[in-house]
Amino acid sequence: MNFDKKALKKLSKLSDDELTAVIKELALEAGVGDANFNVSKNDLTKIRTFLTFATDEQIASLLSEFGGKKQ
């Protein structure tokens, strides 16, 4: 998955269940989660805030930590 501000905005608009599923999948792929990985409502709020207001520098930093690619 390529990440840019447009992609992050789309992610921020997903339902709680959809966003949780995406987060779990990404965590598993990055090797930082397991089948019991949970995301709380409070975490979802914080994640949505990040997805909405992230700067290009924050996106690049996050992707470098997890081996992703910014487009």
Protein backbone atom coordinates (compact mmCIF):
# COMPACT_ATOMS: atom_id res chain seq x y z
CA MET A 1 0.00 0.00 0.00
CA ASN A 2 1.33 3.44 -0.90
CA PHE A 3 0.66 6.23 1.55
CA ASP A 4 0.16 9.89 0.80
CA LYS A 5 -2.15 12.50 2.31
CA LYS A 6 -5.02 11.42 0.05
CA ALA A 7 -4.69 7.78 1.13
CA LEU A 8 -4.50 8.76 4.80
CA LYS A 9 -7.63 10.88 4.45
CA LYS A 10 -9.49 7.89 2.95
CA LEU A 11 -8.32 5.70 5.83
CA SER A 12 -9.53 8.26 8.37
CA LYS A 13 -13.06 8.01 6.93
CA LEU A 14 -13.36 4.23 7.32
CA SER A 15 -15.76 2.83 9.91
CA ASP A 16 -14.27 1.72 13.22
CA ASP A 17 -14.43 -1.93 12.17
CA GLU A 18 -12.86 -1.26 8.78
CA LEU A 19 -10.07 0.90 10.21
CA THR A 20 -9.36 -1.66 12.92
CA ALA A 21 -9.09 -4.39 10.27
CA VAL A 22 -6.63 -2.30 8.23
CA ILE A 23 -4.55 -1.52 11.33
CA LYS A 24 -4.45 -5.19 12.32
CA GLU A 25 -3.41 -6.23 8.82
CA LEU A 26 -0.65 -3.60 8.68
CA ALA A 27 0.57 -4.54 12.16
CA LEU A 28 0.75 -8.21 11.23
CA GLU A 29 2.59 -7.43 7.99
CA ALA A 30 5.07 -5.22 9.90
CA GLY A 31 5.57 -7.93 12.51
CA VAL A 32 4.35 -5.77 15.41
CA GLY A 33 1.02 -7.46 16.05
CA ASP A 34 -0.53 -10.87 16.44
CA ALA A 35 -3.97 -12.43 16.17
CA ASN A 36 -4.91 -10.95 19.57
CA PHE A 37 -3.93 -7.40 18.59
CA ASN A 38 -6.64 -4.97 19.71
CA VAL A 39 -7.32 -1.30 19.02
CA SER A 40 -9.37 0.68 21.55
CA LYS A 41 -11.84 3.47 20.71
CA ASN A 42 -9.37 5.93 22.26
CA ASP A 43 -6.61 4.58 19.99
CA LEU A 44 -8.87 4.92 16.94
CA THR A 45 -9.54 8.57 17.83
CA LYS A 46 -5.80 9.26 18.09
CA ILE A 47 -5.09 7.40 14.86
CA ARG A 48 -7.81 9.32 12.99
CA THR A 49 -6.35 12.61 14.28
CA PHE A 50 -2.92 11.59 13.00
CA LEU A 51 -4.33 10.44 9.65
CA THR A 52 -6.13 13.76 9.22
CA PHE A 53 -3.34 16.14 10.23
CA ALA A 54 -0.09 14.28 9.47
CA THR A 55 2.61 16.31 7.73
CA ASP A 56 4.70 14.93 4.88
CA GLU A 57 7.62 14.66 7.32
CA GLN A 58 5.56 12.64 9.81
CA ILE A 59 4.35 10.31 7.06
CA ALA A 60 7.91 9.78 5.80
CA SER A 61 9.18 9.13 9.33
CA LEU A 62 6.46 6.59 10.04
CA LEU A 63 7.04 4.80 6.76
CA SER A 64 10.79 4.64 7.28
CA GLU A 65 10.18 2.94 10.63
CA PHE A 66 8.00 0.26 9.04
CA GLY A 67 9.66 -0.06 5.65
CA GLY A 68 6.83 1.50 3.68
CA LYS A 69 6.95 3.74 0.65
CA LYS A 70 5.54 7.26 0.39
CA GLN A 71 4.21 8.13 -3.02
